[in-house]
């Protein structure tokens, strides 16, 4: 019999969402998943492997079951037909899968959106603004200029998994150049602003728009972080909104839930 909760992982060791994926799998399934190294191609011996959080869909093969994964850029595609697709991150990913003639249900959502069902954050010292740079942007000069501002919390996306969640939950507003730096506050009902510090982020904006469409966010472009941008400029970009997505349907589609 194939192992039920096997997941290949660490496609990107600096990515919070990818790294948190096995923790979420365990929360949902009640079983500790077995991790396989992810490199150019999954290395597994004909075992069923689950793809969940992250822009890792292009790595799927005939032994993978997909739940909530996406592509990282418009040029990506499936190299093999997955064993099954239960859900994908967003409509843009689904369109690309369907264009390849592969079945893909109209079930969307990054599984991290389900986290509030399983984890209640701790309330820390409250801050007006939390800034989450993608790990490629952490040494940005603008960030260094505001590190001593008492109203700002700069959150290390490579930090302790639950500390990151607690720090986000303890801010009035989040601003982030990391996709999961936007998904996490959306999950917990905290308004967020999409930032762009540099052109270093692999895949550009495509994965952001894929996610935004899945939850009804209307963001058109990120706030470009130049030396002239102020904290007030960021706060002016805040929109009051609630994400619109059927999370019960996403959870119901989970292939390894209890």
C-alpha atoms as a PDB file:
ATOM      1  CA  UNK A   1       0.000   0.000   0.000  1.00  0.00           C
ATOM      2  CA  UNK A   2       1.308   3.499  -0.790  1.00  0.00           C
ATOM      3  CA  UNK A   3       2.024   5.783   2.101  1.00  0.00           C
ATOM      4  CA  UNK A   4      -0.827   8.200   2.606  1.00  0.00           C
ATOM      5  CA  UNK A   5       0.886  11.362   3.786  1.00  0.00           C
ATOM      6  CA  UNK A   6       4.115  11.582   1.863  1.00  0.00           C
ATOM      7  CA  UNK A   7       5.093  15.017   0.708  1.00  0.00           C
ATOM      8  CA  UNK A   8       8.149  16.174  -1.184  1.00  0.00           C
ATOM      9  CA  UNK A   9       9.438  19.400   0.107  1.00  0.00           C
ATOM     10  CA  UNK A  10      12.115  22.054   0.502  1.00  0.00           C
ATOM     11  CA  UNK A  11      11.911  23.181  -3.092  1.00  0.00           C
ATOM     12  CA  UNK A  12      12.958  26.544  -1.610  1.00  0.00           C
ATOM     13  CA  UNK A  13      14.411  26.454   1.878  1.00  0.00           C
ATOM     14  CA  UNK A  14      14.020  30.203   2.299  1.00  0.00           C
ATOM     15  CA  UNK A  15      10.295  30.150   1.561  1.00  0.00           C
ATOM     16  CA  UNK A  16       8.086  30.234   4.664  1.00  0.00           C
ATOM     17  CA  UNK A  17       5.056  28.736   2.931  1.00  0.00           C
ATOM     18  CA  UNK A  18       6.918  25.747   1.518  1.00  0.00           C
ATOM     19  CA  UNK A  19       8.601  25.070   4.854  1.00  0.00           C
ATOM     20  CA  UNK A  20       5.343  25.331   6.822  1.00  0.00           C
ATOM     21  CA  UNK A  21       3.578  22.910   4.497  1.00  0.00           C
ATOM     22  CA  UNK A  22       4.417  19.680   6.384  1.00  0.00           C
ATOM     23  CA  UNK A  23       3.307  21.280   9.659  1.00  0.00           C
ATOM     24  CA  UNK A  24      -0.054  22.119   8.106  1.00  0.00           C
ATOM     25  CA  UNK A  25      -0.300  18.606   6.667  1.00  0.00           C
ATOM     26  CA  UNK A  26       0.175  17.198  10.157  1.00  0.00           C
ATOM     27  CA  UNK A  27      -2.408  19.587  11.617  1.00  0.00           C
ATOM     28  CA  UNK A  28      -4.983  18.518   9.046  1.00  0.00           C
ATOM     29  CA  UNK A  29      -4.233  14.810   8.834  1.00  0.00           C
ATOM     30  CA  UNK A  30      -3.094  14.024  12.359  1.00  0.00           C
ATOM     31  CA  UNK A  31      -0.104  12.200  10.869  1.00  0.00           C
ATOM     32  CA  UNK A  32       3.490  13.329  10.603  1.00  0.00           C
ATOM     33  CA  UNK A  33       4.389  13.459   6.907  1.00  0.00           C
ATOM     34  CA  UNK A  34       7.531  11.964   5.475  1.00  0.00           C
ATOM     35  CA  UNK A  35       9.638  14.549   3.685  1.00  0.00           C
ATOM     36  CA  UNK A  36      11.428  13.888   0.443  1.00  0.00           C
ATOM     37  CA  UNK A  37      14.103  16.209  -0.929  1.00  0.00           C
ATOM     38  CA  UNK A  38      12.936  18.262  -3.906  1.00  0.00           C
ATOM     39  CA  UNK A  39      15.526  19.094  -6.518  1.00  0.00           C
ATOM     40  CA  UNK A  40      15.290  19.005 -10.298  1.00  0.00           C
ATOM     41  CA  UNK A  41      12.842  16.149 -10.079  1.00  0.00           C
ATOM     42  CA  UNK A  42      11.127  14.390  -7.253  1.00  0.00           C
ATOM     43  CA  UNK A  43      13.005  11.310  -6.148  1.00  0.00           C
ATOM     44  CA  UNK A  44      10.586   8.711  -4.904  1.00  0.00           C
ATOM     45  CA  UNK A  45      10.067   5.036  -5.480  1.00  0.00           C
ATOM     46  CA  UNK A  46       6.597   4.877  -7.009  1.00  0.00           C
ATOM     47  CA  UNK A  47       4.975   6.214  -3.845  1.00  0.00           C
ATOM     48  CA  UNK A  48       2.133   8.694  -3.876  1.00  0.00           C
ATOM     49  CA  UNK A  49       3.467  12.139  -3.031  1.00  0.00           C
ATOM     50  CA  UNK A  50       1.311  15.141  -2.164  1.00  0.00           C
ATOM     51  CA  UNK A  51       2.039  18.622  -3.465  1.00  0.00           C
ATOM     52  CA  UNK A  52       0.480  21.329  -1.317  1.00  0.00           C
ATOM     53  CA  UNK A  53       1.678  24.826  -0.434  1.00  0.00           C
ATOM     54  CA  UNK A  54       3.923  26.664  -2.850  1.00  0.00           C
ATOM     55  CA  UNK A  55       4.692  27.441  -6.482  1.00  0.00           C
ATOM     56  CA  UNK A  56       5.812  23.869  -7.059  1.00  0.00           C
ATOM     57  CA  UNK A  57       3.232  22.525  -9.492  1.00  0.00           C
ATOM     58  CA  UNK A  58       5.647  22.198 -12.392  1.00  0.00           C
ATOM     59  CA  UNK A  59       7.418  19.455 -10.424  1.00  0.00           C
ATOM     60  CA  UNK A  60       4.348  17.196 -10.422  1.00  0.00           C
ATOM     61  CA  UNK A  61       4.611  13.762 -11.980  1.00  0.00           C
ATOM     62  CA  UNK A  62       2.401  10.709 -12.441  1.00  0.00           C
ATOM     63  CA  UNK A  63       2.681   9.759  -8.751  1.00  0.00           C
ATOM     64  CA  UNK A  64       1.735  13.143  -7.295  1.00  0.00           C
ATOM     65  CA  UNK A  65      -1.599  14.315  -5.920  1.00  0.00           C
ATOM     66  CA  UNK A  66      -1.972  18.089  -5.991  1.00  0.00           C
ATOM     67  CA  UNK A  67      -3.833  20.142  -3.396  1.00  0.00           C
ATOM     68  CA  UNK A  68      -3.384  23.900  -3.503  1.00  0.00           C
ATOM     69  CA  UNK A  69      -0.128  24.226  -5.451  1.00  0.00           C
ATOM     70  CA  UNK A  70       0.489  26.763  -8.199  1.00  0.00           C
ATOM     71  CA  UNK A  71       2.918  27.780 -10.892  1.00  0.00           C
ATOM     72  CA  UNK A  72       5.490  30.454 -10.132  1.00  0.00           C
ATOM     73  CA  UNK A  73       5.394  32.148 -13.537  1.00  0.00           C
ATOM     74  CA  UNK A  74       3.339  32.285 -16.697  1.00  0.00           C
ATOM     75  CA  UNK A  75       5.920  30.298 -18.688  1.00  0.00           C
ATOM     76  CA  UNK A  76       5.665  27.230 -16.435  1.00  0.00           C
ATOM     77  CA  UNK A  77       3.631  24.132 -17.273  1.00  0.00           C
ATOM     78  CA  UNK A  78       3.144  20.556 -16.161  1.00  0.00           C
ATOM     79  CA  UNK A  79       5.837  18.226 -17.434  1.00  0.00           C
ATOM     80  CA  UNK A  80       3.740  15.162 -16.602  1.00  0.00           C
ATOM     81  CA  UNK A  81       0.079  14.572 -15.852  1.00  0.00           C
ATOM     82  CA  UNK A  82      -0.398  14.280 -12.064  1.00  0.00           C
ATOM     83  CA  UNK A  83      -2.157  11.280 -10.604  1.00  0.00           C
ATOM     84  CA  UNK A  84      -4.874  13.662  -9.396  1.00  0.00           C
ATOM     85  CA  UNK A  85      -5.493  17.368  -8.932  1.00  0.00           C
ATOM     86  CA  UNK A  86      -7.804  18.160  -6.011  1.00  0.00           C
ATOM     87  CA  UNK A  87      -7.319  21.946  -5.956  1.00  0.00           C
ATOM     88  CA  UNK A  88      -4.887  24.564  -7.209  1.00  0.00           C
ATOM     89  CA  UNK A  89      -3.838  27.922  -5.809  1.00  0.00           C
ATOM     90  CA  UNK A  90      -5.770  30.122  -8.223  1.00  0.00           C
ATOM     91  CA  UNK A  91      -7.642  30.568 -11.518  1.00  0.00           C
ATOM     92  CA  UNK A  92      -4.540  31.429 -13.527  1.00  0.00           C
ATOM     93  CA  UNK A  93      -2.922  28.134 -12.556  1.00  0.00           C
ATOM     94  CA  UNK A  94      -6.119  26.263 -13.407  1.00  0.00           C
ATOM     95  CA  UNK A  95      -6.333  27.906 -16.848  1.00  0.00           C
ATOM     96  CA  UNK A  96      -2.815  26.721 -17.665  1.00  0.00           C
ATOM     97  CA  UNK A  97      -3.572  23.174 -16.493  1.00  0.00           C
ATOM     98  CA  UNK A  98      -6.799  23.007 -18.509  1.00  0.00           C
ATOM     99  CA  UNK A  99      -4.954  24.340 -21.577  1.00  0.00           C
ATOM    100  CA  UNK A 100      -2.779  21.233 -21.373  1.00  0.00           C
ATOM    101  CA  UNK A 101      -5.878  19.052 -21.552  1.00  0.00           C
ATOM    102  CA  UNK A 102      -5.608  17.952 -17.905  1.00  0.00           C
ATOM    103  CA  UNK A 103      -8.617  17.811 -15.581  1.00  0.00           C
ATOM    104  CA  UNK A 104      -8.556  20.414 -12.835  1.00  0.00           C
ATOM    105  CA  UNK A 105     -11.567  21.113 -10.589  1.00  0.00           C
ATOM    106  CA  UNK A 106     -12.674  24.674  -9.959  1.00  0.00           C
ATOM    107  CA  UNK A 107     -11.442  24.512  -6.371  1.00  0.00           C
ATOM    108  CA  UNK A 108      -9.006  27.218  -5.347  1.00  0.00           C
ATOM    109  CA  UNK A 109      -6.929  28.331  -2.425  1.00  0.00           C
ATOM    110  CA  UNK A 110      -3.500  28.368  -0.893  1.00  0.00           C
ATOM    111  CA  UNK A 111      -3.861  25.854   1.978  1.00  0.00           C
ATOM    112  CA  UNK A 112      -2.235  28.341   4.373  1.00  0.00           C
ATOM    113  CA  UNK A 113      -5.594  30.165   4.331  1.00  0.00           C
ATOM    114  CA  UNK A 114      -6.932  27.276   6.434  1.00  0.00           C
ATOM    115  CA  UNK A 115      -4.458  27.926   9.251  1.00  0.00           C
ATOM    116  CA  UNK A 116      -6.919  29.817  11.525  1.00  0.00           C
ATOM    117  CA  UNK A 117      -8.901  26.578  11.823  1.00  0.00           C
ATOM    118  CA  UNK A 118      -5.877  24.980  13.493  1.00  0.00           C
ATOM    119  CA  UNK A 119      -3.811  27.724  15.136  1.00  0.00           C
ATOM    120  CA  UNK A 120      -4.796  30.665  17.324  1.00  0.00           C
ATOM    121  CA  UNK A 121      -1.929  33.207  17.362  1.00  0.00           C
ATOM    122  CA  UNK A 122      -0.510  34.712  20.526  1.00  0.00           C
ATOM    123  CA  UNK A 123      -0.988  38.453  20.876  1.00  0.00           C
ATOM    124  CA  UNK A 124       2.337  40.274  21.199  1.00  0.00           C
ATOM    125  CA  UNK A 125       3.062  43.990  21.594  1.00  0.00           C
ATOM    126  CA  UNK A 126       0.820  45.658  19.047  1.00  0.00           C
ATOM    127  CA  UNK A 127       2.409  47.617  16.180  1.00  0.00           C
ATOM    128  CA  UNK A 128       0.845  49.961  13.638  1.00  0.00           C
ATOM    129  CA  UNK A 129       2.658  48.401  10.684  1.00  0.00           C
ATOM    130  CA  UNK A 130       4.353  45.072  10.094  1.00  0.00           C
ATOM    131  CA  UNK A 131       6.688  44.802   7.118  1.00  0.00           C
ATOM    132  CA  UNK A 132       7.553  41.409   5.669  1.00  0.00           C
ATOM    133  CA  UNK A 133      10.243  41.504   3.003  1.00  0.00           C
ATOM    134  CA  UNK A 134      10.745  38.455   0.824  1.00  0.00           C
ATOM    135  CA  UNK A 135      13.987  36.835   1.919  1.00  0.00           C
ATOM    136  CA  UNK A 136      15.735  38.171  -1.204  1.00  0.00           C
ATOM    137  CA  UNK A 137      14.862  41.712  -0.051  1.00  0.00           C
ATOM    138  CA  UNK A 138      15.921  41.532   3.586  1.00  0.00           C
ATOM    139  CA  UNK A 139      18.991  43.750   3.203  1.00  0.00           C
ATOM    140  CA  UNK A 140      17.122  46.544   1.459  1.00  0.00           C
ATOM    141  CA  UNK A 141      18.346  50.051   2.367  1.00  0.00           C
ATOM    142  CA  UNK A 142      14.813  51.409   2.909  1.00  0.00           C
ATOM    143  CA  UNK A 143      14.124  48.664   5.436  1.00  0.00           C
ATOM    144  CA  UNK A 144      17.295  49.483   7.309  1.00  0.00           C
ATOM    145  CA  UNK A 145      16.204  53.128   7.508  1.00  0.00           C
ATOM    146  CA  UNK A 146      12.994  52.268   9.441  1.00  0.00           C
ATOM    147  CA  UNK A 147      14.227  49.488  11.718  1.00  0.00           C
ATOM    148  CA  UNK A 148      14.229  51.750  14.773  1.00  0.00           C
ATOM    149  CA  UNK A 149      10.733  53.137  14.191  1.00  0.00           C
ATOM    150  CA  UNK A 150       8.704  52.138  17.297  1.00  0.00           C
ATOM    151  CA  UNK A 151       5.506  51.826  15.265  1.00  0.00           C
ATOM    152  CA  UNK A 152       7.003  49.269  12.868  1.00  0.00           C
ATOM    153  CA  UNK A 153       7.738  45.588  13.226  1.00  0.00           C
ATOM    154  CA  UNK A 154       9.986  44.096  10.544  1.00  0.00           C
ATOM    155  CA  UNK A 155       9.089  40.418  10.370  1.00  0.00           C
ATOM    156  CA  UNK A 156      11.666  37.866   9.278  1.00  0.00           C
ATOM    157  CA  UNK A 157       9.888  35.457   6.914  1.00  0.00           C
ATOM    158  CA  UNK A 158      12.715  32.995   7.571  1.00  0.00           C
ATOM    159  CA  UNK A 159      12.091  33.118  11.306  1.00  0.00           C
ATOM    160  CA  UNK A 160      10.348  30.668  13.625  1.00  0.00           C
ATOM    161  CA  UNK A 161       7.168  29.454  11.932  1.00  0.00           C
ATOM    162  CA  UNK A 162       4.724  30.327  14.696  1.00  0.00           C
ATOM    163  CA  UNK A 163       6.582  33.481  15.741  1.00  0.00           C
ATOM    164  CA  UNK A 164       6.006  34.827  12.225  1.00  0.00           C
ATOM    165  CA  UNK A 165       2.261  34.184  12.567  1.00  0.00           C
ATOM    166  CA  UNK A 166       2.119  35.757  16.037  1.00  0.00           C
ATOM    167  CA  UNK A 167       3.995  38.847  14.861  1.00  0.00           C
ATOM    168  CA  UNK A 168       1.675  39.289  11.882  1.00  0.00           C
ATOM    169  CA  UNK A 169      -1.401  38.870  14.084  1.00  0.00           C
ATOM    170  CA  UNK A 170      -0.069  41.599  16.394  1.00  0.00           C
ATOM    171  CA  UNK A 171       0.016  44.324  13.707  1.00  0.00           C
ATOM    172  CA  UNK A 172      -2.766  46.631  12.520  1.00  0.00           C
ATOM    173  CA  UNK A 173      -1.539  46.495   8.913  1.00  0.00           C
ATOM    174  CA  UNK A 174       0.917  44.266   7.063  1.00  0.00           C
ATOM    175  CA  UNK A 175       2.994  45.280   4.029  1.00  0.00           C
ATOM    176  CA  UNK A 176       4.922  42.585   2.190  1.00  0.00           C
ATOM    177  CA  UNK A 177       6.922  41.695  -0.901  1.00  0.00           C
ATOM    178  CA  UNK A 178       6.506  38.002   0.002  1.00  0.00           C
ATOM    179  CA  UNK A 179       3.403  36.202  -1.239  1.00  0.00           C
ATOM    180  CA  UNK A 180       2.878  34.373   2.026  1.00  0.00           C
ATOM    181  CA  UNK A 181       3.441  37.684   3.768  1.00  0.00           C
ATOM    182  CA  UNK A 182       0.128  38.647   2.149  1.00  0.00           C
ATOM    183  CA  UNK A 183      -1.637  35.290   2.431  1.00  0.00           C
ATOM    184  CA  UNK A 184      -1.121  34.985   6.195  1.00  0.00           C
ATOM    185  CA  UNK A 185      -2.702  38.360   7.069  1.00  0.00           C
ATOM    186  CA  UNK A 186      -5.541  37.583   4.651  1.00  0.00           C
ATOM    187  CA  UNK A 187      -6.129  34.338   6.530  1.00  0.00           C
ATOM    188  CA  UNK A 188      -6.409  36.186   9.852  1.00  0.00           C
ATOM    189  CA  UNK A 189      -8.383  39.170   8.556  1.00  0.00           C
ATOM    190  CA  UNK A 190      -5.579  41.734   8.729  1.00  0.00           C
ATOM    191  CA  UNK A 191      -5.359  44.279   5.873  1.00  0.00           C
ATOM    192  CA  UNK A 192      -2.194  44.111   3.814  1.00  0.00           C
ATOM    193  CA  UNK A 193      -0.333  46.081   1.167  1.00  0.00           C
ATOM    194  CA  UNK A 194       1.667  44.520  -1.656  1.00  0.00           C
ATOM    195  CA  UNK A 195       5.213  45.912  -1.878  1.00  0.00           C
ATOM    196  CA  UNK A 196       8.020  45.560  -4.390  1.00  0.00           C
ATOM    197  CA  UNK A 197      11.559  46.231  -3.188  1.00  0.00           C
ATOM    198  CA  UNK A 198      13.488  44.870  -6.172  1.00  0.00           C
ATOM    199  CA  UNK A 199      13.422  42.748  -9.328  1.00  0.00           C
ATOM    200  CA  UNK A 200      15.116  39.858  -7.527  1.00  0.00           C
ATOM    201  CA  UNK A 201      11.944  37.846  -6.977  1.00  0.00           C
ATOM    202  CA  UNK A 202      11.844  34.835  -9.312  1.00  0.00           C
ATOM    203  CA  UNK A 203       8.682  34.651 -11.399  1.00  0.00           C
ATOM    204  CA  UNK A 204       7.727  38.309 -11.083  1.00  0.00           C
ATOM    205  CA  UNK A 205       4.111  39.202 -10.325  1.00  0.00           C
ATOM    206  CA  UNK A 206       2.343  36.237 -11.914  1.00  0.00           C
ATOM    207  CA  UNK A 207       1.939  34.108  -8.788  1.00  0.00           C
ATOM    208  CA  UNK A 208       0.592  37.116  -6.874  1.00  0.00           C
ATOM    209  CA  UNK A 209      -2.169  37.667  -9.431  1.00  0.00           C
ATOM    210  CA  UNK A 210      -2.962  33.946  -9.376  1.00  0.00           C
ATOM    211  CA  UNK A 211      -3.519  34.153  -5.633  1.00  0.00           C
ATOM    212  CA  UNK A 212      -5.347  37.494  -5.748  1.00  0.00           C
ATOM    213  CA  UNK A 213      -7.900  36.114  -8.217  1.00  0.00           C
ATOM    214  CA  UNK A 214      -8.559  33.157  -5.920  1.00  0.00           C
ATOM    215  CA  UNK A 215      -9.669  35.422  -3.055  1.00  0.00           C
ATOM    216  CA  UNK A 216     -11.116  38.397  -4.948  1.00  0.00           C
ATOM    217  CA  UNK A 217      -8.336  40.886  -4.205  1.00  0.00           C
ATOM    218  CA  UNK A 218      -8.240  43.719  -6.734  1.00  0.00           C
ATOM    219  CA  UNK A 219      -4.552  44.655  -6.438  1.00  0.00           C
ATOM    220  CA  UNK A 220      -3.277  45.859  -9.816  1.00  0.00           C
ATOM    221  CA  UNK A 221       0.374  46.483  -9.035  1.00  0.00           C
ATOM    222  CA  UNK A 222       2.667  46.574  -6.008  1.00  0.00           C
ATOM    223  CA  UNK A 223       3.873  49.719  -4.314  1.00  0.00           C
ATOM    224  CA  UNK A 224       7.395  50.242  -5.625  1.00  0.00           C
ATOM    225  CA  UNK A 225       9.645  50.927  -2.650  1.00  0.00           C
ATOM    226  CA  UNK A 226      11.942  53.797  -3.604  1.00  0.00           C
ATOM    227  CA  UNK A 227      13.920  55.991  -1.209  1.00  0.00           C
ATOM    228  CA  UNK A 228      11.119  58.565  -1.362  1.00  0.00           C
ATOM    229  CA  UNK A 229       8.404  56.229  -0.050  1.00  0.00           C
ATOM    230  CA  UNK A 230       7.254  56.949   3.497  1.00  0.00           C
ATOM    231  CA  UNK A 231       5.376  54.871   6.045  1.00  0.00           C
ATOM    232  CA  UNK A 232       2.397  57.132   5.421  1.00  0.00           C
ATOM    233  CA  UNK A 233       2.541  56.252   1.713  1.00  0.00           C
ATOM    234  CA  UNK A 234       2.221  52.591   2.625  1.00  0.00           C
ATOM    235  CA  UNK A 235      -0.691  53.174   4.990  1.00  0.00           C
ATOM    236  CA  UNK A 236      -2.514  55.203   2.326  1.00  0.00           C
ATOM    237  CA  UNK A 237      -2.552  52.083   0.142  1.00  0.00           C
ATOM    238  CA  UNK A 238      -4.579  50.119   2.680  1.00  0.00           C
ATOM    239  CA  UNK A 239      -8.005  49.015   1.478  1.00  0.00           C
ATOM    240  CA  UNK A 240     -10.676  47.580   3.719  1.00  0.00           C
ATOM    241  CA  UNK A 241     -11.607  44.237   2.233  1.00  0.00           C
ATOM    242  CA  UNK A 242     -12.508  40.676   3.101  1.00  0.00           C
ATOM    243  CA  UNK A 243     -11.263  37.786   1.051  1.00  0.00           C
ATOM    244  CA  UNK A 244     -13.941  35.849  -0.820  1.00  0.00           C
ATOM    245  CA  UNK A 245     -13.168  32.153  -1.101  1.00  0.00           C
ATOM    246  CA  UNK A 246     -14.915  28.918  -0.139  1.00  0.00           C
ATOM    247  CA  UNK A 247     -12.439  27.527   2.370  1.00  0.00           C
ATOM    248  CA  UNK A 248     -14.802  24.747   3.411  1.00  0.00           C
ATOM    249  CA  UNK A 249     -14.697  23.506  -0.167  1.00  0.00           C
ATOM    250  CA  UNK A 250     -10.911  23.689  -0.185  1.00  0.00           C
ATOM    251  CA  UNK A 251     -10.696  21.675   3.030  1.00  0.00           C
ATOM    252  CA  UNK A 252     -13.260  19.164   1.782  1.00  0.00           C
ATOM    253  CA  UNK A 253     -11.072  18.604  -1.284  1.00  0.00           C
ATOM    254  CA  UNK A 254      -8.036  17.793   0.886  1.00  0.00           C
ATOM    255  CA  UNK A 255      -6.939  14.237   0.042  1.00  0.00           C
ATOM    256  CA  UNK A 256      -5.376  13.511   3.435  1.00  0.00           C
ATOM    257  CA  UNK A 257      -7.744  15.100   5.963  1.00  0.00           C
ATOM    258  CA  UNK A 258      -8.862  13.047   8.955  1.00  0.00           C
END
